[in-house]
Amino acid sequence: MDVSTVIGMVLSSTVIGALISGAFTRVSEKESNDINLLDRAYKEIERLDDQVAERDRIIAEKDIIIERLKKERSM
């Protein structure tokens, strides 16, 4: 093996290593982005669940008031 062959092998292995590293970095970033999106979606679902629970509580209170008024009206 002469010097130019060794230099060519070193450079090609470096380029291949950089390409593989870049591919893994891209995959890792995509997975990280997916996880962040899922986390945001989960938080949004929790927020909406809280709003639904609050609305249900308000409806239940109004139903109690309506029943009370119906009883008073029928007396």
N, C-alpha and C. Protein backbone atom coordinates (compact mmCIF):
# COMPACT_ATOMS: atom_id res chain seq x y z
N MET A 1 0.84 -1.18 0.00
CA MET A 1 0.00 0.00 0.00
C MET A 1 0.89 1.24 0.00
N ASP A 2 0.56 2.11 -0.85
CA ASP A 2 1.32 3.35 -0.87
C ASP A 2 0.59 4.43 -0.06
N VAL A 3 1.19 5.55 0.11
CA VAL A 3 0.68 6.63 0.95
C VAL A 3 -0.65 7.16 0.42
N SER A 4 -0.79 7.29 -0.87
CA SER A 4 -2.03 7.83 -1.43
C SER A 4 -3.21 6.90 -1.15
N THR A 5 -2.99 5.60 -1.15
CA THR A 5 -4.06 4.64 -0.85
C THR A 5 -4.48 4.77 0.61
N VAL A 6 -3.51 4.88 1.50
CA VAL A 6 -3.81 5.02 2.93
C VAL A 6 -4.57 6.32 3.18
N ILE A 7 -4.13 7.40 2.56
CA ILE A 7 -4.81 8.69 2.73
C ILE A 7 -6.23 8.61 2.18
N GLY A 8 -6.40 7.96 1.04
CA GLY A 8 -7.73 7.79 0.46
C GLY A 8 -8.64 6.98 1.37
N MET A 9 -8.11 5.92 1.99
CA MET A 9 -8.92 5.10 2.91
C MET A 9 -9.32 5.90 4.14
N VAL A 10 -8.39 6.67 4.68
CA VAL A 10 -8.68 7.48 5.87
C VAL A 10 -9.75 8.52 5.55
N LEU A 11 -9.59 9.20 4.42
CA LEU A 11 -10.57 10.22 4.04
C LEU A 11 -11.94 9.60 3.76
N SER A 12 -11.96 8.47 3.08
CA SER A 12 -13.26 7.85 2.78
C SER A 12 -13.93 7.34 4.05
N SER A 13 -13.14 6.80 4.99
CA SER A 13 -13.75 6.35 6.24
C SER A 13 -14.27 7.53 7.05
N THR A 14 -13.59 8.66 6.98
CA THR A 14 -14.05 9.86 7.67
C THR A 14 -15.35 10.37 7.07
N VAL A 15 -15.44 10.37 5.76
CA VAL A 15 -16.65 10.82 5.08
C VAL A 15 -17.81 9.89 5.40
N ILE A 16 -17.55 8.59 5.35
CA ILE A 16 -18.60 7.61 5.66
C ILE A 16 -19.05 7.79 7.11
N GLY A 17 -18.11 7.98 8.02
CA GLY A 17 -18.46 8.21 9.42
C GLY A 17 -19.30 9.46 9.60
N ALA A 18 -18.96 10.51 8.87
CA ALA A 18 -19.73 11.75 8.96
C ALA A 18 -21.14 11.56 8.42
N LEU A 19 -21.27 10.81 7.33
CA LEU A 19 -22.60 10.55 6.77
C LEU A 19 -23.46 9.73 7.72
N ILE A 20 -22.87 8.71 8.31
CA ILE A 20 -23.61 7.88 9.26
C ILE A 20 -24.01 8.71 10.48
N SER A 21 -23.07 9.51 10.98
CA SER A 21 -23.37 10.37 12.13
C SER A 21 -24.49 11.34 11.80
N GLY A 22 -24.44 11.92 10.62
CA GLY A 22 -25.50 12.85 10.21
C GLY A 22 -26.85 12.17 10.12
N ALA A 23 -26.85 10.95 9.61
CA ALA A 23 -28.12 10.21 9.50
C ALA A 23 -28.69 9.92 10.88
N PHE A 24 -27.84 9.47 11.80
CA PHE A 24 -28.32 9.18 13.15
C PHE A 24 -28.79 10.44 13.86
N THR A 25 -28.08 11.54 13.64
CA THR A 25 -28.49 12.81 14.25
C THR A 25 -29.86 13.23 13.73
N ARG A 26 -30.08 13.05 12.44
CA ARG A 26 -31.38 13.43 11.86
C ARG A 26 -32.49 12.57 12.43
N VAL A 27 -32.24 11.27 12.55
CA VAL A 27 -33.25 10.37 13.12
C VAL A 27 -33.52 10.74 14.57
N SER A 28 -32.47 11.03 15.33
CA SER A 28 -32.64 11.41 16.74
C SER A 28 -33.43 12.70 16.87
N GLU A 29 -33.15 13.67 16.02
CA GLU A 29 -33.89 14.94 16.07
C GLU A 29 -35.36 14.73 15.72
N LYS A 30 -35.62 13.85 14.74
CA LYS A 30 -37.01 13.58 14.36
C LYS A 30 -37.74 12.91 15.51
N GLU A 31 -37.10 11.94 16.17
CA GLU A 31 -37.72 11.28 17.32
C GLU A 31 -37.96 12.28 18.44
N SER A 32 -37.00 13.16 18.67
CA SER A 32 -37.15 14.18 19.70
C SER A 32 -38.32 15.11 19.37
N ASN A 33 -38.45 15.48 18.11
CA ASN A 33 -39.55 16.33 17.68
C ASN A 33 -40.88 15.62 17.88
N ASP A 34 -40.93 14.33 17.53
CA ASP A 34 -42.15 13.55 17.72
C ASP A 34 -42.53 13.50 19.20
N ILE A 35 -41.54 13.31 20.06
CA ILE A 35 -41.80 13.26 21.50
C ILE A 35 -42.32 14.60 21.99
N ASN A 36 -41.73 15.69 21.50
CA ASN A 36 -42.19 17.03 21.90
C ASN A 36 -43.63 17.27 21.45
N LEU A 37 -43.95 16.83 20.23
CA LEU A 37 -45.32 17.00 19.74
C LEU A 37 -46.30 16.20 20.58
N LEU A 38 -45.93 14.97 20.93
CA LEU A 38 -46.80 14.15 21.77
C LEU A 38 -46.98 14.77 23.15
N ASP A 39 -45.91 15.33 23.69
CA ASP A 39 -46.00 15.97 25.00
C ASP A 39 -46.93 17.18 24.95
N ARG A 40 -46.81 17.97 23.89
CA ARG A 40 -47.71 19.12 23.75
C ARG A 40 -49.15 18.69 23.58
N ALA A 41 -49.36 17.63 22.81
CA ALA A 41 -50.72 17.13 22.61
C ALA A 41 -51.30 16.62 23.92
N TYR A 42 -50.49 15.93 24.72
CA TYR A 42 -50.95 15.43 26.01
C TYR A 42 -51.34 16.58 26.93
N LYS A 43 -50.52 17.63 26.96
CA LYS A 43 -50.84 18.79 27.79
C LYS A 43 -52.12 19.48 27.32
N GLU A 44 -52.31 19.55 26.02
CA GLU A 44 -53.52 20.17 25.47
C GLU A 44 -54.75 19.34 25.84
N ILE A 45 -54.62 18.02 25.77
CA ILE A 45 -55.73 17.14 26.15
C ILE A 45 -56.07 17.33 27.62
N GLU A 46 -55.05 17.42 28.48
CA GLU A 46 -55.31 17.67 29.91
C GLU A 46 -56.03 19.00 30.12
N ARG A 47 -55.59 20.03 29.39
CA ARG A 47 -56.22 21.35 29.51
C ARG A 47 -57.69 21.27 29.09
N LEU A 48 -57.96 20.60 27.99
CA LEU A 48 -59.34 20.47 27.52
C LEU A 48 -60.17 19.63 28.47
N ASP A 49 -59.58 18.58 29.06
CA ASP A 49 -60.29 17.78 30.05
C ASP A 49 -60.69 18.63 31.25
N ASP A 50 -59.79 19.51 31.68
CA ASP A 50 -60.11 20.40 32.79
C ASP A 50 -61.27 21.33 32.43
N GLN A 51 -61.27 21.84 31.21
CA GLN A 51 -62.36 22.72 30.78
C GLN A 51 -63.68 21.96 30.72
N VAL A 52 -63.65 20.73 30.24
CA VAL A 52 -64.87 19.92 30.18
C VAL A 52 -65.39 19.65 31.59
N ALA A 53 -64.49 19.34 32.51
CA ALA A 53 -64.90 19.08 33.89
C ALA A 53 -65.53 20.33 34.50
N GLU A 54 -64.96 21.49 34.23
CA GLU A 54 -65.52 22.75 34.75
C GLU A 54 -66.91 23.00 34.16
N ARG A 55 -67.06 22.77 32.86
CA ARG A 55 -68.37 22.95 32.22
C ARG A 55 -69.40 21.97 32.79
N ASP A 56 -68.98 20.73 33.03
CA ASP A 56 -69.88 19.74 33.62
C ASP A 56 -70.33 20.17 35.01
N ARG A 57 -69.40 20.75 35.79
CA ARG A 57 -69.73 21.23 37.13
C ARG A 57 -70.76 22.36 37.04
N ILE A 58 -70.56 23.27 36.10
CA ILE A 58 -71.50 24.39 35.93
C ILE A 58 -72.87 23.88 35.52
N ILE A 59 -72.91 22.92 34.61
CA ILE A 59 -74.19 22.35 34.17
C ILE A 59 -74.90 21.67 35.34
N ALA A 60 -74.14 20.93 36.16
CA ALA A 60 -74.75 20.26 37.31
C ALA A 60 -75.33 21.28 38.28
N GLU A 61 -74.62 22.37 38.51
CA GLU A 61 -75.14 23.42 39.40
C GLU A 61 -76.42 24.03 38.82
N LYS A 62 -76.43 24.27 37.53
CA LYS A 62 -77.63 24.85 36.90
C LYS A 62 -78.79 23.87 36.97
N ASP A 63 -78.51 22.58 36.80
CA ASP A 63 -79.57 21.57 36.91
C ASP A 63 -80.18 21.57 38.31
N ILE A 64 -79.34 21.72 39.32
CA ILE A 64 -79.83 21.77 40.70
C ILE A 64 -80.72 23.00 40.89
N ILE A 65 -80.29 24.13 40.37
CA ILE A 65 -81.07 25.36 40.48
C ILE A 65 -82.41 25.20 39.77
N ILE A 66 -82.40 24.60 38.58
CA ILE A 66 -83.64 24.40 37.83
C ILE A 66 -84.59 23.49 38.60
N GLU A 67 -84.08 22.42 39.17
CA GLU A 67 -84.93 21.52 39.95
C GLU A 67 -85.53 22.24 41.16
N ARG A 68 -84.72 23.05 41.82
CA ARG A 68 -85.19 23.81 42.97
C ARG A 68 -86.30 24.78 42.55
N LEU A 69 -86.11 25.46 41.42
CA LEU A 69 -87.13 26.40 40.94
C LEU A 69 -88.41 25.67 40.54
N LYS A 70 -88.27 24.50 39.94
CA LYS A 70 -89.46 23.72 39.57
C LYS A 70 -90.25 23.32 40.82
N LYS A 71 -89.54 22.93 41.88
CA LYS A 71 -90.21 22.55 43.12
C LYS A 71 -90.93 23.74 43.73
N GLU A 72 -90.26 24.90 43.74
CA GLU A 72 -90.87 26.10 44.29
C GLU A 72 -92.09 26.52 43.47
N ARG A 73 -92.01 26.35 42.19
CA ARG A 73 -93.09 26.76 41.31
C ARG A 73 -94.31 25.85 41.48
N SER A 74 -94.07 24.58 41.72
CA SER A 74 -95.19 23.64 41.85
C SER A 74 -95.88 23.74 43.21
N MET A 75 -95.29 24.39 44.15
CA MET A 75 -95.89 24.51 45.49
C MET A 75 -96.96 25.50 45.51
